[in-house]
């Protein structure tokens, strides 16, 4: 069985409608991974990979992907250039929400945060 970004997003939507903070945190995480997988596929379809971050700023594959998408290495005249930058900026923002949801257990995550993450994930998938 194969799973796509849309399945993760549907799960995020279900979790976002839950009644507990654990549901909302999980919704943020699922929304991020839905967007991440769509963005990964989108990046692979571009004419060439985006610019790698400097050596000292390569903190993991998630940050690298967002950086590459924000910094396309093909001409601005290519219609994919603006899309790549948009996806990279939104993915980095959603990643920050996921880090809070998954690792910063003292920071509150609300149902509104979950709904915003789902909406952002859907927007990223739509562009991709």
Protein backbone atom coordinates (compact mmCIF):
# COMPACT_ATOMS: atom_id res chain seq x y z
CA UNK A 1 0.00 0.00 0.00
CA UNK A 2 1.30 3.42 -0.97
CA UNK A 3 0.64 6.55 1.02
CA UNK A 4 0.73 10.12 -0.27
CA UNK A 5 0.85 13.57 1.32
CA UNK A 6 -2.93 13.90 1.06
CA UNK A 7 -3.43 10.92 3.41
CA UNK A 8 -1.22 12.59 6.04
CA UNK A 9 -3.18 15.81 5.59
CA UNK A 10 -6.53 14.02 6.04
CA UNK A 11 -5.21 12.51 9.27
CA UNK A 12 -4.07 15.96 10.39
CA UNK A 13 -7.55 17.35 9.72
CA UNK A 14 -9.10 14.58 11.83
CA UNK A 15 -6.65 15.17 14.67
CA UNK A 16 -7.17 18.95 14.54
CA UNK A 17 -10.84 18.42 15.32
CA UNK A 18 -9.92 16.49 18.47
CA UNK A 19 -10.53 17.79 21.95
CA UNK A 20 -7.10 17.40 23.54
CA UNK A 21 -3.76 19.12 23.15
CA UNK A 22 -2.14 15.81 22.22
CA UNK A 23 -4.52 15.64 19.23
CA UNK A 24 -3.58 19.17 18.18
CA UNK A 25 0.14 18.53 18.55
CA UNK A 26 -0.20 15.39 16.44
CA UNK A 27 -2.22 17.35 13.86
CA UNK A 28 0.59 19.89 13.51
CA UNK A 29 3.11 17.08 13.05
CA UNK A 30 1.01 15.23 10.45
CA UNK A 31 0.33 18.48 8.56
CA UNK A 32 4.05 19.18 8.46
CA UNK A 33 4.91 15.73 7.15
CA UNK A 34 2.17 15.98 4.52
CA UNK A 35 3.74 19.22 3.32
CA UNK A 36 7.31 17.92 3.64
CA UNK A 37 6.65 14.91 1.41
CA UNK A 38 4.86 17.06 -1.19
CA UNK A 39 7.71 19.59 -1.09
CA UNK A 40 10.31 16.85 -1.46
CA UNK A 41 8.53 15.53 -4.54
CA UNK A 42 8.17 19.08 -5.91
CA UNK A 43 11.87 19.82 -5.36
CA UNK A 44 12.83 16.64 -7.21
CA UNK A 45 10.72 17.78 -10.19
CA UNK A 46 12.48 21.14 -10.54
CA UNK A 47 14.95 21.73 -13.39
CA UNK A 48 17.82 21.65 -10.91
CA UNK A 49 18.19 21.38 -7.12
CA UNK A 50 18.19 24.55 -5.06
CA UNK A 51 21.32 26.01 -3.53
CA UNK A 52 22.67 24.09 -0.53
CA UNK A 53 22.97 26.04 2.72
CA UNK A 54 26.48 26.88 3.95
CA UNK A 55 28.26 23.98 5.65
CA UNK A 56 27.61 25.28 9.17
CA UNK A 57 23.86 25.73 8.54
CA UNK A 58 23.08 22.17 7.47
CA UNK A 59 21.20 21.17 10.59
CA UNK A 60 19.22 18.36 9.00
CA UNK A 61 17.37 17.29 5.90
CA UNK A 62 14.28 19.34 6.79
CA UNK A 63 16.20 22.61 7.05
CA UNK A 64 18.22 21.76 3.93
CA UNK A 65 15.09 21.14 1.86
CA UNK A 66 13.46 24.40 2.97
CA UNK A 67 16.69 26.29 2.23
CA UNK A 68 17.03 24.76 -1.22
CA UNK A 69 13.42 25.57 -2.06
CA UNK A 70 13.84 29.16 -0.86
CA UNK A 71 17.00 29.48 -2.97
CA UNK A 72 16.34 28.03 -6.42
CA UNK A 73 19.39 27.72 -8.65
CA UNK A 74 17.56 28.23 -11.93
CA UNK A 75 16.55 31.54 -13.57
CA UNK A 76 13.90 33.81 -12.05
CA UNK A 77 12.15 33.73 -15.40
CA UNK A 78 11.25 30.07 -14.87
CA UNK A 79 7.63 29.84 -13.66
CA UNK A 80 8.72 27.35 -10.98
CA UNK A 81 11.09 29.88 -9.38
CA UNK A 82 8.41 31.77 -7.45
CA UNK A 83 6.59 28.56 -6.51
CA UNK A 84 9.81 27.10 -5.14
CA UNK A 85 10.46 30.17 -2.99
CA UNK A 86 6.87 30.18 -1.70
CA UNK A 87 6.98 26.51 -0.78
CA UNK A 88 10.35 26.91 0.95
CA UNK A 89 9.20 29.84 3.05
CA UNK A 90 5.96 28.15 4.06
CA UNK A 91 7.69 24.82 4.74
CA UNK A 92 10.20 26.50 7.07
CA UNK A 93 7.34 28.18 8.93
CA UNK A 94 5.42 24.92 9.27
CA UNK A 95 8.58 23.15 10.40
CA UNK A 96 8.96 25.65 13.25
CA UNK A 97 5.39 24.85 14.33
CA UNK A 98 6.16 21.13 14.22
CA UNK A 99 9.28 21.55 16.35
CA UNK A 100 7.17 23.33 18.96
CA UNK A 101 4.44 20.68 18.78
CA UNK A 102 6.82 17.72 18.99
CA UNK A 103 9.60 18.93 21.28
CA UNK A 104 8.57 22.00 23.28
CA UNK A 105 6.13 20.35 25.64
CA UNK A 106 5.97 23.37 27.94
CA UNK A 107 4.82 25.60 25.07
CA UNK A 108 1.05 25.53 24.52
CA UNK A 109 -0.35 24.24 21.22
CA UNK A 110 -3.97 25.18 20.65
CA UNK A 111 -6.68 23.89 18.38
CA UNK A 112 -6.26 27.10 16.38
CA UNK A 113 -2.55 26.30 15.95
CA UNK A 114 -3.53 22.87 14.63
CA UNK A 115 -6.07 24.36 12.22
CA UNK A 116 -3.49 26.88 10.98
CA UNK A 117 -0.94 24.10 10.44
CA UNK A 118 -3.47 22.05 8.47
CA UNK A 119 -4.34 25.08 6.33
CA UNK A 120 -0.65 25.81 5.68
CA UNK A 121 0.02 22.17 4.83
CA UNK A 122 -2.91 22.19 2.39
CA UNK A 123 -1.60 25.37 0.79
CA UNK A 124 1.85 23.86 0.31
CA UNK A 125 0.39 20.69 -1.20
CA UNK A 126 -1.77 22.82 -3.49
CA UNK A 127 1.24 24.69 -4.83
CA UNK A 128 3.25 21.51 -5.24
